[in-house]
Amino acid sequence: MKGWQVLTYPLPDNLGETVIQRIVCRADLGFNMAQEFKDDFVATIDYLQNVKMDVPSDKTPKSQGITH
């Protein structure tokens, strides 16, 4: 919602329970913007840990993509 894009990647089958996120930064990323990102990231994690969401009954992993 704040414009950051942090992609999530599944790992190979033998590590299928683990999901990683990759953050790619531009070369001109400054301290202030990095601090904003960290603050937004922490606030988002806090929000997601406390939000009430319906969880789909189908637990089959789905392939997702992103378009720019």
N, C-alpha and C. Protein backbone atom coordinates (compact mmCIF):
# COMPACT_ATOMS: atom_id res chain seq x y z
N MET A 1 0.81 -1.19 0.00
CA MET A 1 0.00 0.00 0.00
C MET A 1 0.86 1.26 0.00
N LYS A 2 2.09 1.14 0.41
CA LYS A 2 2.97 2.31 0.46
C LYS A 2 3.91 2.37 -0.74
N GLY A 3 3.79 1.40 -1.65
CA GLY A 3 4.60 1.44 -2.86
C GLY A 3 5.82 0.53 -2.87
N TRP A 4 6.11 -0.12 -1.77
CA TRP A 4 7.24 -1.05 -1.74
C TRP A 4 6.85 -2.34 -2.42
N GLN A 5 7.80 -2.98 -3.08
CA GLN A 5 7.58 -4.29 -3.67
C GLN A 5 8.60 -5.25 -3.08
N VAL A 6 8.12 -6.18 -2.27
CA VAL A 6 8.98 -7.21 -1.68
C VAL A 6 8.42 -8.53 -2.14
N LEU A 7 9.15 -9.18 -3.02
CA LEU A 7 8.67 -10.41 -3.63
C LEU A 7 8.92 -11.61 -2.72
N THR A 8 8.05 -12.57 -2.80
CA THR A 8 8.15 -13.80 -2.01
C THR A 8 8.41 -14.96 -2.95
N TYR A 9 9.34 -15.80 -2.60
CA TYR A 9 9.73 -16.92 -3.45
C TYR A 9 9.64 -18.24 -2.68
N PRO A 10 9.03 -19.25 -3.28
CA PRO A 10 9.08 -20.58 -2.66
C PRO A 10 10.45 -21.20 -2.92
N LEU A 11 10.84 -22.07 -2.04
CA LEU A 11 12.11 -22.78 -2.20
C LEU A 11 11.84 -24.15 -2.84
N PRO A 12 12.88 -24.90 -3.17
CA PRO A 12 12.69 -26.23 -3.76
C PRO A 12 11.85 -27.14 -2.87
N ASP A 13 11.36 -28.23 -3.44
CA ASP A 13 10.44 -29.15 -2.74
C ASP A 13 10.96 -29.61 -1.38
N ASN A 14 12.25 -29.86 -1.26
CA ASN A 14 12.78 -30.36 0.02
C ASN A 14 12.80 -29.26 1.09
N LEU A 15 12.55 -28.00 0.70
CA LEU A 15 12.44 -26.89 1.64
C LEU A 15 11.10 -26.19 1.46
N GLY A 16 10.09 -26.94 1.03
CA GLY A 16 8.80 -26.38 0.66
C GLY A 16 8.06 -25.65 1.75
N GLU A 17 8.38 -25.89 3.01
CA GLU A 17 7.72 -25.20 4.10
C GLU A 17 8.33 -23.82 4.36
N THR A 18 9.44 -23.52 3.69
CA THR A 18 10.14 -22.26 3.90
C THR A 18 9.87 -21.32 2.74
N VAL A 19 9.60 -20.08 3.05
CA VAL A 19 9.39 -19.05 2.03
C VAL A 19 10.36 -17.93 2.34
N ILE A 20 10.98 -17.37 1.30
CA ILE A 20 11.92 -16.27 1.49
C ILE A 20 11.39 -15.03 0.80
N GLN A 21 11.87 -13.89 1.24
CA GLN A 21 11.57 -12.64 0.58
C GLN A 21 12.89 -12.00 0.18
N ARG A 22 12.87 -11.39 -1.01
CA ARG A 22 14.08 -10.74 -1.51
C ARG A 22 13.79 -9.26 -1.66
N ILE A 23 14.64 -8.45 -1.11
CA ILE A 23 14.51 -7.01 -1.21
C ILE A 23 15.64 -6.52 -2.10
N VAL A 24 15.28 -5.89 -3.21
CA VAL A 24 16.25 -5.34 -4.14
C VAL A 24 16.23 -3.83 -3.98
N CYS A 25 17.38 -3.25 -3.73
CA CYS A 25 17.49 -1.81 -3.50
C CYS A 25 18.26 -1.14 -4.63
N ARG A 26 17.82 0.06 -4.96
CA ARG A 26 18.56 0.86 -5.93
C ARG A 26 19.88 1.33 -5.33
N ALA A 27 20.82 1.63 -6.18
CA ALA A 27 22.14 2.06 -5.71
C ALA A 27 22.07 3.36 -4.92
N ASP A 28 21.06 4.20 -5.19
CA ASP A 28 20.99 5.49 -4.51
C ASP A 28 20.09 5.45 -3.27
N LEU A 29 19.81 4.27 -2.72
CA LEU A 29 19.02 4.15 -1.51
C LEU A 29 19.75 4.84 -0.36
N GLY A 30 19.07 5.78 0.25
CA GLY A 30 19.69 6.52 1.36
C GLY A 30 19.18 6.02 2.70
N PHE A 31 19.79 6.53 3.76
CA PHE A 31 19.44 6.11 5.10
C PHE A 31 17.98 6.42 5.42
N ASN A 32 17.51 7.61 5.06
CA ASN A 32 16.14 8.01 5.38
C ASN A 32 15.12 7.08 4.72
N MET A 33 15.35 6.75 3.45
CA MET A 33 14.41 5.86 2.76
C MET A 33 14.49 4.45 3.34
N ALA A 34 15.68 4.00 3.70
CA ALA A 34 15.83 2.69 4.31
C ALA A 34 15.10 2.65 5.66
N GLN A 35 15.17 3.73 6.41
CA GLN A 35 14.46 3.81 7.69
C GLN A 35 12.95 3.77 7.46
N GLU A 36 12.45 4.50 6.45
CA GLU A 36 11.02 4.47 6.11
C GLU A 36 10.58 3.06 5.75
N PHE A 37 11.41 2.37 4.94
CA PHE A 37 11.08 1.00 4.54
C PHE A 37 11.00 0.10 5.77
N LYS A 38 11.99 0.20 6.65
CA LYS A 38 12.01 -0.63 7.85
C LYS A 38 10.78 -0.38 8.72
N ASP A 39 10.44 0.89 8.89
CA ASP A 39 9.27 1.24 9.71
C ASP A 39 7.99 0.69 9.08
N ASP A 40 7.84 0.85 7.76
CA ASP A 40 6.65 0.34 7.07
C ASP A 40 6.59 -1.19 7.14
N PHE A 41 7.74 -1.84 6.99
CA PHE A 41 7.80 -3.30 7.02
C PHE A 41 7.38 -3.83 8.39
N VAL A 42 7.92 -3.22 9.45
CA VAL A 42 7.58 -3.63 10.81
C VAL A 42 6.09 -3.39 11.08
N ALA A 43 5.56 -2.24 10.66
CA ALA A 43 4.15 -1.94 10.86
C ALA A 43 3.26 -2.93 10.11
N THR A 44 3.67 -3.31 8.91
CA THR A 44 2.90 -4.25 8.12
C THR A 44 2.89 -5.63 8.76
N ILE A 45 4.03 -6.09 9.25
CA ILE A 45 4.10 -7.38 9.93
C ILE A 45 3.20 -7.37 11.16
N ASP A 46 3.23 -6.28 11.92
CA ASP A 46 2.36 -6.16 13.09
C ASP A 46 0.89 -6.22 12.68
N TYR A 47 0.54 -5.50 11.62
CA TYR A 47 -0.83 -5.52 11.13
C TYR A 47 -1.25 -6.93 10.72
N LEU A 48 -0.41 -7.61 9.95
CA LEU A 48 -0.76 -8.95 9.46
C LEU A 48 -0.86 -9.96 10.59
N GLN A 49 -0.09 -9.78 11.65
CA GLN A 49 -0.17 -10.71 12.77
C GLN A 49 -1.46 -10.53 13.56
N ASN A 50 -2.09 -9.38 13.44
CA ASN A 50 -3.28 -9.08 14.24
C ASN A 50 -4.58 -9.03 13.44
N VAL A 51 -4.51 -9.06 12.12
CA VAL A 51 -5.71 -8.94 11.30
C VAL A 51 -6.47 -10.27 11.29
N LYS A 52 -7.77 -10.20 11.24
CA LYS A 52 -8.62 -11.39 11.13
C LYS A 52 -8.88 -11.65 9.65
N MET A 53 -8.40 -12.78 9.14
CA MET A 53 -8.57 -13.11 7.73
C MET A 53 -9.16 -14.49 7.58
N ASP A 54 -9.95 -14.66 6.53
CA ASP A 54 -10.41 -15.99 6.16
C ASP A 54 -9.26 -16.72 5.50
N VAL A 55 -9.01 -17.93 5.94
CA VAL A 55 -7.93 -18.74 5.37
C VAL A 55 -8.56 -19.75 4.42
N PRO A 56 -8.10 -19.80 3.17
CA PRO A 56 -8.68 -20.76 2.23
C PRO A 56 -8.50 -22.20 2.72
N SER A 57 -9.50 -23.03 2.46
CA SER A 57 -9.40 -24.43 2.88
C SER A 57 -8.46 -25.21 1.97
N ASP A 58 -8.29 -24.75 0.72
CA ASP A 58 -7.38 -25.41 -0.22
C ASP A 58 -5.96 -24.93 0.06
N LYS A 59 -5.15 -25.79 0.62
CA LYS A 59 -3.78 -25.44 1.00
C LYS A 59 -2.77 -25.71 -0.11
N THR A 60 -3.24 -26.11 -1.29
CA THR A 60 -2.34 -26.39 -2.40
C THR A 60 -1.62 -25.12 -2.81
N PRO A 61 -0.27 -25.14 -2.86
CA PRO A 61 0.46 -23.93 -3.26
C PRO A 61 0.06 -23.50 -4.67
N LYS A 62 -0.07 -22.23 -4.84
CA LYS A 62 -0.41 -21.66 -6.15
C LYS A 62 0.78 -20.88 -6.66
N SER A 63 0.93 -20.89 -7.96
CA SER A 63 1.99 -20.09 -8.58
C SER A 63 1.46 -18.69 -8.81
N GLN A 64 2.16 -17.71 -8.32
CA GLN A 64 1.74 -16.31 -8.48
C GLN A 64 2.80 -15.59 -9.28
N GLY A 65 2.41 -14.51 -9.88
CA GLY A 65 3.36 -13.69 -10.62
C GLY A 65 3.13 -12.23 -10.33
N ILE A 66 4.02 -11.40 -10.77
CA ILE A 66 3.88 -9.97 -10.60
C ILE A 66 4.13 -9.30 -11.93
N THR A 67 3.37 -8.28 -12.22
CA THR A 67 3.59 -7.53 -13.44
C THR A 67 3.97 -6.10 -13.07
N HIS A 68 4.75 -5.50 -13.90
CA HIS A 68 5.20 -4.13 -13.62
C HIS A 68 4.56 -3.20 -14.60
